[in-house]
Amino acid sequence: MDSEIINNSENEIVIKDSEGNIHNCTKLFTFDSDETKLSYICYTEDKKDDKGNTIVYAGIYDPTGEDNHILPIKTDEEWNLIKDTLEEIIKATKKVINNGEK
């Protein structure tokens, strides 16, 4: 999907898809990869799949804002990088939550 960020704040992004539809999304996280030399954004529309899992989208983006397009992830290596980063964030979040429950 060819998407364009039309509004980008700290926690939210508004995206226009290739059909001109507007999507208000929650920005989950962004990160830069030393491996690929690219910046990635992960976000959600807070919708669930058939198993009740939150659907998360990811793409390549320009953190400077000069290019507002979100480019698709094309390689398995990039998908694995995003998956690993997401798993690290979930693990760190659970650790913080569990340490607070004493």
PDB file of N, CA and C in Angstrom:
ATOM      1  N   MET A   1       0.848  -1.177   0.000  1.00  0.00           N
ATOM      2  CA  MET A   1       0.000   0.000   0.000  1.00  0.00           C
ATOM      3  C   MET A   1       0.888   1.233   0.000  1.00  0.00           C
ATOM      4  N   ASP A   2       0.652   2.144  -0.912  1.00  0.00           N
ATOM      5  CA  ASP A   2       1.370   3.409  -0.970  1.00  0.00           C
ATOM      6  C   ASP A   2       0.672   4.381  -0.033  1.00  0.00           C
ATOM      7  N   SER A   3       1.330   4.718   1.054  1.00  0.00           N
ATOM      8  CA  SER A   3       0.732   5.579   2.066  1.00  0.00           C
ATOM      9  C   SER A   3       1.552   6.837   2.229  1.00  0.00           C
ATOM     10  N   GLU A   4       0.875   7.873   2.674  1.00  0.00           N
ATOM     11  CA  GLU A   4       1.542   9.147   2.910  1.00  0.00           C
ATOM     12  C   GLU A   4       1.118   9.674   4.275  1.00  0.00           C
ATOM     13  N   ILE A   5       2.104  10.079   5.058  1.00  0.00           N
ATOM     14  CA  ILE A   5       1.817  10.682   6.357  1.00  0.00           C
ATOM     15  C   ILE A   5       1.393  12.126   6.109  1.00  0.00           C
ATOM     16  N   ILE A   6       0.176  12.481   6.531  1.00  0.00           N
ATOM     17  CA  ILE A   6      -0.282  13.855   6.335  1.00  0.00           C
ATOM     18  C   ILE A   6      -0.280  14.642   7.640  1.00  0.00           C
ATOM     19  N   ASN A   7      -0.106  13.941   8.752  1.00  0.00           N
ATOM     20  CA  ASN A   7       0.055  14.604  10.045  1.00  0.00           C
ATOM     21  C   ASN A   7       0.822  13.650  10.954  1.00  0.00           C
ATOM     22  N   ASN A   8       1.848  14.181  11.619  1.00  0.00           N
ATOM     23  CA  ASN A   8       2.717  13.341  12.428  1.00  0.00           C
ATOM     24  C   ASN A   8       2.979  14.048  13.750  1.00  0.00           C
ATOM     25  N   SER A   9       2.430  13.492  14.832  1.00  0.00           N
ATOM     26  CA  SER A   9       2.702  14.043  16.157  1.00  0.00           C
ATOM     27  C   SER A   9       3.438  12.984  16.971  1.00  0.00           C
ATOM     28  N   GLU A  10       3.685  13.266  18.220  1.00  0.00           N
ATOM     29  CA  GLU A  10       4.483  12.354  19.036  1.00  0.00           C
ATOM     30  C   GLU A  10       3.871  10.961  19.139  1.00  0.00           C
ATOM     31  N   ASN A  11       2.559  10.877  19.325  1.00  0.00           N
ATOM     32  CA  ASN A  11       1.912   9.580  19.547  1.00  0.00           C
ATOM     33  C   ASN A  11       0.955   9.155  18.445  1.00  0.00           C
ATOM     34  N   GLU A  12       0.670  10.039  17.517  1.00  0.00           N
ATOM     35  CA  GLU A  12      -0.308   9.729  16.481  1.00  0.00           C
ATOM     36  C   GLU A  12       0.209  10.127  15.105  1.00  0.00           C
ATOM     37  N   ILE A  13      -0.278   9.400  14.097  1.00  0.00           N
ATOM     38  CA  ILE A  13      -0.046   9.804  12.719  1.00  0.00           C
ATOM     39  C   ILE A  13      -1.358   9.679  11.967  1.00  0.00           C
ATOM     40  N   VAL A  14      -1.522  10.548  11.007  1.00  0.00           N
ATOM     41  CA  VAL A  14      -2.670  10.473  10.111  1.00  0.00           C
ATOM     42  C   VAL A  14      -2.102  10.108   8.743  1.00  0.00           C
ATOM     43  N   ILE A  15      -2.655   9.050   8.166  1.00  0.00           N
ATOM     44  CA  ILE A  15      -2.136   8.497   6.924  1.00  0.00           C
ATOM     45  C   ILE A  15      -3.208   8.549   5.850  1.00  0.00           C
ATOM     46  N   LYS A  16      -2.784   8.924   4.647  1.00  0.00           N
ATOM     47  CA  LYS A  16      -3.666   8.848   3.486  1.00  0.00           C
ATOM     48  C   LYS A  16      -3.169   7.690   2.633  1.00  0.00           C
ATOM     49  N   ASP A  17      -4.062   6.717   2.367  1.00  0.00           N
ATOM     50  CA  ASP A  17      -3.657   5.560   1.574  1.00  0.00           C
ATOM     51  C   ASP A  17      -3.759   5.858   0.084  1.00  0.00           C
ATOM     52  N   SER A  18      -3.419   4.859  -0.729  1.00  0.00           N
ATOM     53  CA  SER A  18      -3.368   5.042  -2.181  1.00  0.00           C
ATOM     54  C   SER A  18      -4.734   5.343  -2.793  1.00  0.00           C
ATOM     55  N   GLU A  19      -5.806   5.029  -2.058  1.00  0.00           N
ATOM     56  CA  GLU A  19      -7.162   5.310  -2.548  1.00  0.00           C
ATOM     57  C   GLU A  19      -7.705   6.621  -2.016  1.00  0.00           C
ATOM     58  N   GLY A  20      -6.887   7.345  -1.249  1.00  0.00           N
ATOM     59  CA  GLY A  20      -7.304   8.635  -0.708  1.00  0.00           C
ATOM     60  C   GLY A  20      -8.017   8.551   0.629  1.00  0.00           C
ATOM     61  N   ASN A  21      -8.121   7.352   1.201  1.00  0.00           N
ATOM     62  CA  ASN A  21      -8.762   7.189   2.501  1.00  0.00           C
ATOM     63  C   ASN A  21      -7.832   7.672   3.608  1.00  0.00           C
ATOM     64  N   ILE A  22      -8.429   8.293   4.624  1.00  0.00           N
ATOM     65  CA  ILE A  22      -7.676   8.820   5.759  1.00  0.00           C
ATOM     66  C   ILE A  22      -7.751   7.825   6.914  1.00  0.00           C
ATOM     67  N   HIS A  23      -6.609   7.557   7.542  1.00  0.00           N
ATOM     68  CA  HIS A  23      -6.532   6.630   8.669  1.00  0.00           C
ATOM     69  C   HIS A  23      -5.859   7.328   9.844  1.00  0.00           C
ATOM     70  N   ASN A  24      -6.558   7.403  10.964  1.00  0.00           N
ATOM     71  CA  ASN A  24      -5.973   7.934  12.196  1.00  0.00           C
ATOM     72  C   ASN A  24      -5.339   6.764  12.935  1.00  0.00           C
ATOM     73  N   CYS A  25      -4.044   6.832  13.149  1.00  0.00           N
ATOM     74  CA  CYS A  25      -3.301   5.706  13.709  1.00  0.00           C
ATOM     75  C   CYS A  25      -2.526   6.115  14.956  1.00  0.00           C
ATOM     76  N   THR A  26      -2.290   5.135  15.789  1.00  0.00           N
ATOM     77  CA  THR A  26      -1.426   5.315  16.949  1.00  0.00           C
ATOM     78  C   THR A  26      -0.014   4.910  16.543  1.00  0.00           C
ATOM     79  N   LYS A  27       0.923   5.814  16.761  1.00  0.00           N
ATOM     80  CA  LYS A  27       2.319   5.511  16.473  1.00  0.00           C
ATOM     81  C   LYS A  27       2.852   4.685  17.638  1.00  0.00           C
ATOM     82  N   LEU A  28       3.320   3.487  17.357  1.00  0.00           N
ATOM     83  CA  LEU A  28       3.835   2.612  18.402  1.00  0.00           C
ATOM     84  C   LEU A  28       5.295   2.911  18.706  1.00  0.00           C
ATOM     85  N   PHE A  29       6.121   2.921  17.670  1.00  0.00           N
ATOM     86  CA  PHE A  29       7.531   3.259  17.843  1.00  0.00           C
ATOM     87  C   PHE A  29       8.178   3.467  16.487  1.00  0.00           C
ATOM     88  N   THR A  30       9.306   4.113  16.519  1.00  0.00           N
ATOM     89  CA  THR A  30      10.153   4.283  15.351  1.00  0.00           C
ATOM     90  C   THR A  30      11.558   3.853  15.749  1.00  0.00           C
ATOM     91  N   PHE A  31      12.331   3.436  14.774  1.00  0.00           N
ATOM     92  CA  PHE A  31      13.724   3.110  15.060  1.00  0.00           C
ATOM     93  C   PHE A  31      14.551   3.179  13.788  1.00  0.00           C
ATOM     94  N   ASP A  32      15.832   3.375  13.983  1.00  0.00           N
ATOM     95  CA  ASP A  32      16.789   3.398  12.888  1.00  0.00           C
ATOM     96  C   ASP A  32      17.590   2.105  12.936  1.00  0.00           C
ATOM     97  N   SER A  33      17.916   1.582  11.780  1.00  0.00           N
ATOM     98  CA  SER A  33      18.699   0.357  11.713  1.00  0.00           C
ATOM     99  C   SER A  33      20.106   0.659  11.209  1.00  0.00           C
ATOM    100  N   ASP A  34      21.100   0.246  11.988  1.00  0.00           N
ATOM    101  CA  ASP A  34      22.482   0.355  11.541  1.00  0.00           C
ATOM    102  C   ASP A  34      22.747  -0.618  10.386  1.00  0.00           C
ATOM    103  N   GLU A  35      22.028  -1.744  10.393  1.00  0.00           N
ATOM    104  CA  GLU A  35      22.193  -2.753   9.345  1.00  0.00           C
ATOM    105  C   GLU A  35      21.758  -2.239   7.980  1.00  0.00           C
ATOM    106  N   THR A  36      20.539  -1.711   7.920  1.00  0.00           N
ATOM    107  CA  THR A  36      19.973  -1.311   6.630  1.00  0.00           C
ATOM    108  C   THR A  36      20.182   0.171   6.326  1.00  0.00           C
ATOM    109  N   LYS A  37      20.551   0.931   7.338  1.00  0.00           N
ATOM    110  CA  LYS A  37      20.711   2.393   7.211  1.00  0.00           C
ATOM    111  C   LYS A  37      19.384   3.071   6.870  1.00  0.00           C
ATOM    112  N   LEU A  38      18.261   2.456   7.318  1.00  0.00           N
ATOM    113  CA  LEU A  38      16.924   2.998   7.077  1.00  0.00           C
ATOM    114  C   LEU A  38      16.224   3.254   8.401  1.00  0.00           C
ATOM    115  N   SER A  39      15.159   4.054   8.348  1.00  0.00           N
ATOM    116  CA  SER A  39      14.326   4.332   9.518  1.00  0.00           C
ATOM    117  C   SER A  39      12.983   3.651   9.305  1.00  0.00           C
ATOM    118  N   TYR A  40      12.460   3.089  10.394  1.00  0.00           N
ATOM    119  CA  TYR A  40      11.212   2.341  10.336  1.00  0.00           C
ATOM    120  C   TYR A  40      10.196   2.938  11.295  1.00  0.00           C
ATOM    121  N   ILE A  41       8.922   2.790  10.928  1.00  0.00           N
ATOM    122  CA  ILE A  41       7.825   3.225  11.778  1.00  0.00           C
ATOM    123  C   ILE A  41       6.843   2.066  11.921  1.00  0.00           C
ATOM    124  N   CYS A  42       6.369   1.849  13.140  1.00  0.00           N
ATOM    125  CA  CYS A  42       5.348   0.839  13.402  1.00  0.00           C
ATOM    126  C   CYS A  42       4.148   1.545  14.012  1.00  0.00           C
ATOM    127  N   TYR A  43       2.968   1.184  13.526  1.00  0.00           N
ATOM    128  CA  TYR A  43       1.752   1.881  13.944  1.00  0.00           C
ATOM    129  C   TYR A  43       0.555   0.951  13.857  1.00  0.00           C
ATOM    130  N   THR A  44      -0.542   1.372  14.452  1.00  0.00           N
ATOM    131  CA  THR A  44      -1.762   0.569  14.449  1.00  0.00           C
ATOM    132  C   THR A  44      -2.986   1.471  14.335  1.00  0.00           C
ATOM    133  N   GLU A  45      -4.043   0.892  13.808  1.00  0.00           N
ATOM    134  CA  GLU A  45      -5.350   1.556  13.807  1.00  0.00           C
ATOM    135  C   GLU A  45      -6.187   1.048  14.975  1.00  0.00           C
ATOM    136  N   ASP A  46      -5.560   0.303  15.872  1.00  0.00           N
ATOM    137  CA  ASP A  46      -6.220  -0.284  17.039  1.00  0.00           C
ATOM    138  C   ASP A  46      -7.333  -1.249  16.632  1.00  0.00           C
ATOM    139  N   LYS A  47      -7.102  -1.975  15.547  1.00  0.00           N
ATOM    140  CA  LYS A  47      -8.037  -3.020  15.111  1.00  0.00           C
ATOM    141  C   LYS A  47      -7.436  -4.369  15.446  1.00  0.00           C
ATOM    142  N   LYS A  48      -8.308  -5.366  15.619  1.00  0.00           N
ATOM    143  CA  LYS A  48      -7.892  -6.721  15.990  1.00  0.00           C
ATOM    144  C   LYS A  48      -8.072  -7.676  14.813  1.00  0.00           C
ATOM    145  N   ASP A  49      -7.234  -8.720  14.787  1.00  0.00           N
ATOM    146  CA  ASP A  49      -7.413  -9.783  13.807  1.00  0.00           C
ATOM    147  C   ASP A  49      -8.397 -10.816  14.356  1.00  0.00           C
ATOM    148  N   ASP A  50      -8.592 -11.912  13.630  1.00  0.00           N
ATOM    149  CA  ASP A  50      -9.548 -12.951  14.032  1.00  0.00           C
ATOM    150  C   ASP A  50      -9.197 -13.614  15.353  1.00  0.00           C
ATOM    151  N   LYS A  51      -7.912 -13.560  15.752  1.00  0.00           N
ATOM    152  CA  LYS A  51      -7.474 -14.181  16.996  1.00  0.00           C
ATOM    153  C   LYS A  51      -7.445 -13.199  18.159  1.00  0.00           C
ATOM    154  N   GLY A  52      -7.855 -11.943  17.902  1.00  0.00           N
ATOM    155  CA  GLY A  52      -7.879 -10.945  18.964  1.00  0.00           C
ATOM    156  C   GLY A  52      -6.578 -10.177  19.141  1.00  0.00           C
ATOM    157  N   ASN A  53      -5.618 -10.400  18.243  1.00  0.00           N
ATOM    158  CA  ASN A  53      -4.349  -9.682  18.303  1.00  0.00           C
ATOM    159  C   ASN A  53      -4.465  -8.319  17.620  1.00  0.00           C
ATOM    160  N   THR A  54      -3.801  -7.334  18.179  1.00  0.00           N
ATOM    161  CA  THR A  54      -3.791  -6.014  17.562  1.00  0.00           C
ATOM    162  C   THR A  54      -3.005  -6.067  16.256  1.00  0.00           C
ATOM    163  N   ILE A  55      -3.579  -5.527  15.202  1.00  0.00           N
ATOM    164  CA  ILE A  55      -2.916  -5.493  13.899  1.00  0.00           C
ATOM    165  C   ILE A  55      -1.922  -4.330  13.905  1.00  0.00           C
ATOM    166  N   VAL A  56      -0.671  -4.648  13.596  1.00  0.00           N
ATOM    167  CA  VAL A  56       0.401  -3.653  13.576  1.00  0.00           C
ATOM    168  C   VAL A  56       0.937  -3.555  12.154  1.00  0.00           C
ATOM    169  N   TYR A  57       1.140  -2.333  11.700  1.00  0.00           N
ATOM    170  CA  TYR A  57       1.702  -2.071  10.381  1.00  0.00           C
ATOM    171  C   TYR A  57       3.104  -1.508  10.549  1.00  0.00           C
ATOM    172  N   ALA A  58       3.935  -1.722   9.541  1.00  0.00           N
ATOM    173  CA  ALA A  58       5.292  -1.188   9.578  1.00  0.00           C
ATOM    174  C   ALA A  58       5.697  -0.739   8.184  1.00  0.00           C
ATOM    175  N   GLY A  59       6.589   0.216   8.150  1.00  0.00           N
ATOM    176  CA  GLY A  59       7.100   0.688   6.874  1.00  0.00           C
ATOM    177  C   GLY A  59       8.369   1.486   7.068  1.00  0.00           C
ATOM    178  N   ILE A  60       8.971   1.820   5.962  1.00  0.00           N
ATOM    179  CA  ILE A  60      10.166   2.661   5.950  1.00  0.00           C
ATOM    180  C   ILE A  60       9.694   4.099   5.828  1.00  0.00           C
ATOM    181  N   TYR A  61      10.283   4.985   6.636  1.00  0.00           N
ATOM    182  CA  TYR A  61       9.874   6.376   6.563  1.00  0.00           C
ATOM    183  C   TYR A  61      11.083   7.287   6.709  1.00  0.00           C
ATOM    184  N   ASP A  62      10.869   8.548   6.379  1.00  0.00           N
ATOM    185  CA  ASP A  62      11.916   9.568   6.481  1.00  0.00           C
ATOM    186  C   ASP A  62      11.664  10.378   7.746  1.00  0.00           C
ATOM    187  N   PRO A  63      12.497  10.209   8.778  1.00  0.00           N
ATOM    188  CA  PRO A  63      12.264  10.921  10.041  1.00  0.00           C
ATOM    189  C   PRO A  63      12.439  12.437   9.934  1.00  0.00           C
ATOM    190  N   THR A  64      13.058  12.912   8.861  1.00  0.00           N
ATOM    191  CA  THR A  64      13.220  14.360   8.690  1.00  0.00           C
ATOM    192  C   THR A  64      11.923  15.014   8.219  1.00  0.00           C
ATOM    193  N   GLY A  65      11.013  14.194   7.657  1.00  0.00           N
ATOM    194  CA  GLY A  65       9.748  14.727   7.159  1.00  0.00           C
ATOM    195  C   GLY A  65       9.841  15.291   5.750  1.00  0.00           C
ATOM    196  N   GLU A  66      11.020  15.236   5.138  1.00  0.00           N
ATOM    197  CA  GLU A  66      11.163  15.742   3.768  1.00  0.00           C
ATOM    198  C   GLU A  66      10.347  14.914   2.783  1.00  0.00           C
ATOM    199  N   ASP A  67      10.312  13.597   3.003  1.00  0.00           N
ATOM    200  CA  ASP A  67       9.492  12.699   2.191  1.00  0.00           C
ATOM    201  C   ASP A  67       8.470  12.085   3.130  1.00  0.00           C
ATOM    202  N   ASN A  68       7.190  12.333   2.905  1.00  0.00           N
ATOM    203  CA  ASN A  68       6.135  11.870   3.804  1.00  0.00           C
ATOM    204  C   ASN A  68       5.582  10.491   3.466  1.00  0.00           C
ATOM    205  N   HIS A  69       6.146   9.826   2.487  1.00  0.00           N
ATOM    206  CA  HIS A  69       5.634   8.510   2.107  1.00  0.00           C
ATOM    207  C   HIS A  69       6.154   7.425   3.043  1.00  0.00           C
ATOM    208  N   ILE A  70       5.309   6.448   3.281  1.00  0.00           N
ATOM    209  CA  ILE A  70       5.704   5.246   4.004  1.00  0.00           C
ATOM    210  C   ILE A  70       5.929   4.176   2.946  1.00  0.00           C
ATOM    211  N   LEU A  71       7.158   3.726   2.857  1.00  0.00           N
ATOM    212  CA  LEU A  71       7.517   2.738   1.845  1.00  0.00           C
ATOM    213  C   LEU A  71       7.354   1.330   2.407  1.00  0.00           C
ATOM    214  N   PRO A  72       6.976   0.391   1.558  1.00  0.00           N
ATOM    215  CA  PRO A  72       6.752  -0.975   2.043  1.00  0.00           C
ATOM    216  C   PRO A  72       8.053  -1.681   2.412  1.00  0.00           C
ATOM    217  N   ILE A  73       7.941  -2.618   3.336  1.00  0.00           N
ATOM    218  CA  ILE A  73       9.036  -3.507   3.696  1.00  0.00           C
ATOM    219  C   ILE A  73       9.087  -4.582   2.610  1.00  0.00           C
ATOM    220  N   LYS A  74      10.269  -4.822   2.063  1.00  0.00           N
ATOM    221  CA  LYS A  74      10.357  -5.730   0.917  1.00  0.00           C
ATOM    222  C   LYS A  74      11.106  -7.025   1.186  1.00  0.00           C
ATOM    223  N   THR A  75      11.900  -7.069   2.239  1.00  0.00           N
ATOM    224  CA  THR A  75      12.716  -8.265   2.435  1.00  0.00           C
ATOM    225  C   THR A  75      12.366  -8.970   3.749  1.00  0.00           C
ATOM    226  N   ASP A  76      12.622 -10.276   3.772  1.00  0.00           N
ATOM    227  CA  ASP A  76      12.418 -11.046   5.002  1.00  0.00           C
ATOM    228  C   ASP A  76      13.350 -10.549   6.102  1.00  0.00           C
ATOM    229  N   GLU A  77      14.544 -10.123   5.719  1.00  0.00           N
ATOM    230  CA  GLU A  77      15.500  -9.626   6.703  1.00  0.00           C
ATOM    231  C   GLU A  77      14.938  -8.397   7.421  1.00  0.00           C
ATOM    232  N   GLU A  78      14.305  -7.505   6.664  1.00  0.00           N
ATOM    233  CA  GLU A  78      13.701  -6.313   7.279  1.00  0.00           C
ATOM    234  C   GLU A  78      12.533  -6.697   8.180  1.00  0.00           C
ATOM    235  N   TRP A  79      11.694  -7.629   7.722  1.00  0.00           N
ATOM    236  CA  TRP A  79      10.568  -8.068   8.548  1.00  0.00           C
ATOM    237  C   TRP A  79      11.070  -8.694   9.841  1.00  0.00           C
ATOM    238  N   ASN A  80      12.139  -9.481   9.753  1.00  0.00           N
ATOM    239  CA  ASN A  80      12.710 -10.091  10.952  1.00  0.00           C
ATOM    240  C   ASN A  80      13.278  -9.035  11.893  1.00  0.00           C
ATOM    241  N   LEU A  81      13.892  -8.007  11.338  1.00  0.00           N
ATOM    242  CA  LEU A  81      14.420  -6.905  12.141  1.00  0.00           C
ATOM    243  C   LEU A  81      13.284  -6.205  12.893  1.00  0.00           C
ATOM    244  N   ILE A  82      12.192  -5.942  12.210  1.00  0.00           N
ATOM    245  CA  ILE A  82      11.037  -5.290  12.835  1.00  0.00           C
ATOM    246  C   ILE A  82      10.423  -6.200  13.893  1.00  0.00           C
ATOM    247  N   LYS A  83      10.263  -7.470  13.564  1.00  0.00           N
ATOM    248  CA  LYS A  83       9.702  -8.440  14.523  1.00  0.00           C
ATOM    249  C   LYS A  83      10.571  -8.523  15.770  1.00  0.00           C
ATOM    250  N   ASP A  84      11.884  -8.616  15.586  1.00  0.00           N
ATOM    251  CA  ASP A  84      12.797  -8.699  16.728  1.00  0.00           C
ATOM    252  C   ASP A  84      12.730  -7.442  17.588  1.00  0.00           C
ATOM    253  N   THR A  85      12.654  -6.285  16.951  1.00  0.00           N
ATOM    254  CA  THR A  85      12.557  -5.023  17.690  1.00  0.00           C
ATOM    255  C   THR A  85      11.259  -4.960  18.472  1.00  0.00           C
ATOM    256  N   LEU A  86      10.158  -5.356  17.852  1.00  0.00           N
ATOM    257  CA  LEU A  86       8.864  -5.368  18.535  1.00  0.00           C
ATOM    258  C   LEU A  86       8.898  -6.325  19.729  1.00  0.00           C
ATOM    259  N   GLU A  87       9.479  -7.487  19.555  1.00  0.00           N
ATOM    260  CA  GLU A  87       9.564  -8.453  20.659  1.00  0.00           C
ATOM    261  C   GLU A  87      10.412  -7.910  21.812  1.00  0.00           C
ATOM    262  N   GLU A  88      11.500  -7.201  21.494  1.00  0.00           N
ATOM    263  CA  GLU A  88      12.337  -6.591  22.531  1.00  0.00           C
ATOM    264  C   GLU A  88      11.558  -5.537  23.314  1.00  0.00           C
ATOM    265  N   ILE A  89      10.776  -4.740  22.605  1.00  0.00           N
ATOM    266  CA  ILE A  89       9.976  -3.696  23.258  1.00  0.00           C
ATOM    267  C   ILE A  89       8.920  -4.326  24.151  1.00  0.00           C
ATOM    268  N   ILE A  90       8.260  -5.373  23.672  1.00  0.00           N
ATOM    269  CA  ILE A  90       7.241  -6.057  24.480  1.00  0.00           C
ATOM    270  C   ILE A  90       7.881  -6.658  25.726  1.00  0.00           C
ATOM    271  N   LYS A  91       9.025  -7.305  25.571  1.00  0.00           N
ATOM    272  CA  LYS A  91       9.716  -7.919  26.704  1.00  0.00           C
ATOM    273  C   LYS A  91      10.129  -6.853  27.725  1.00  0.00           C
ATOM    274  N   ALA A  92      10.669  -5.732  27.260  1.00  0.00           N
ATOM    275  CA  ALA A  92      11.084  -4.656  28.170  1.00  0.00           C
ATOM    276  C   ALA A  92       9.880  -4.048  28.882  1.00  0.00           C
ATOM    277  N   THR A  93       8.769  -3.911  28.174  1.00  0.00           N
ATOM    278  CA  THR A  93       7.558  -3.353  28.767  1.00  0.00           C
ATOM    279  C   THR A  93       7.013  -4.285  29.844  1.00  0.00           C
ATOM    280  N   LYS A  94       6.985  -5.580  29.570  1.00  0.00           N
ATOM    281  CA  LYS A  94       6.515  -6.550  30.561  1.00  0.00           C
ATOM    282  C   LYS A  94       7.400  -6.535  31.797  1.00  0.00           C
ATOM    283  N   LYS A  95       8.706  -6.389  31.593  1.00  0.00           N
ATOM    284  CA  LYS A  95       9.632  -6.349  32.719  1.00  0.00           C
ATOM    285  C   LYS A  95       9.362  -5.136  33.607  1.00  0.00           C
ATOM    286  N   VAL A  96       9.118  -3.987  32.993  1.00  0.00           N
ATOM    287  CA  VAL A  96       8.809  -2.770  33.753  1.00  0.00           C
ATOM    288  C   VAL A  96       7.499  -2.946  34.510  1.00  0.00           C
ATOM    289  N   ILE A  97       6.486  -3.500  33.846  1.00  0.00           N
ATOM    290  CA  ILE A  97       5.194  -3.709  34.482  1.00  0.00           C
ATOM    291  C   ILE A  97       5.325  -4.691  35.648  1.00  0.00           C
ATOM    292  N   ASN A  98       6.044  -5.781  35.445  1.00  0.00           N
ATOM    293  CA  ASN A  98       6.193  -6.795  36.492  1.00  0.00           C
ATOM    294  C   ASN A  98       7.008  -6.271  37.663  1.00  0.00           C
ATOM    295  N   ASN A  99       7.980  -5.432  37.423  1.00  0.00           N
ATOM    296  CA  ASN A  99       8.766  -4.853  38.530  1.00  0.00           C
ATOM    297  C   ASN A  99       7.935  -3.887  39.362  1.00  0.00           C
ATOM    298  N   GLY A 100       6.909  -3.313  38.752  1.00  0.00           N
ATOM    299  CA  GLY A 100       6.045  -2.390  39.476  1.00  0.00           C
ATOM    300  C   GLY A 100       4.983  -3.096  40.305  1.00  0.00           C
ATOM    301  N   GLU A 101       4.838  -4.402  40.115  1.00  0.00           N
ATOM    302  CA  GLU A 101       3.807  -5.183  40.816  1.00  0.00           C
ATOM    303  C   GLU A 101       4.415  -5.967  41.968  1.00  0.00           C
ATOM    304  N   LYS A 102       4.992  -5.322  42.920  1.00  0.00           N
ATOM    305  CA  LYS A 102       5.597  -6.031  44.056  1.00  0.00           C
ATOM    306  C   LYS A 102       4.678  -6.057  45.229  1.00  0.00           C
TER     307      LYS A 102
END
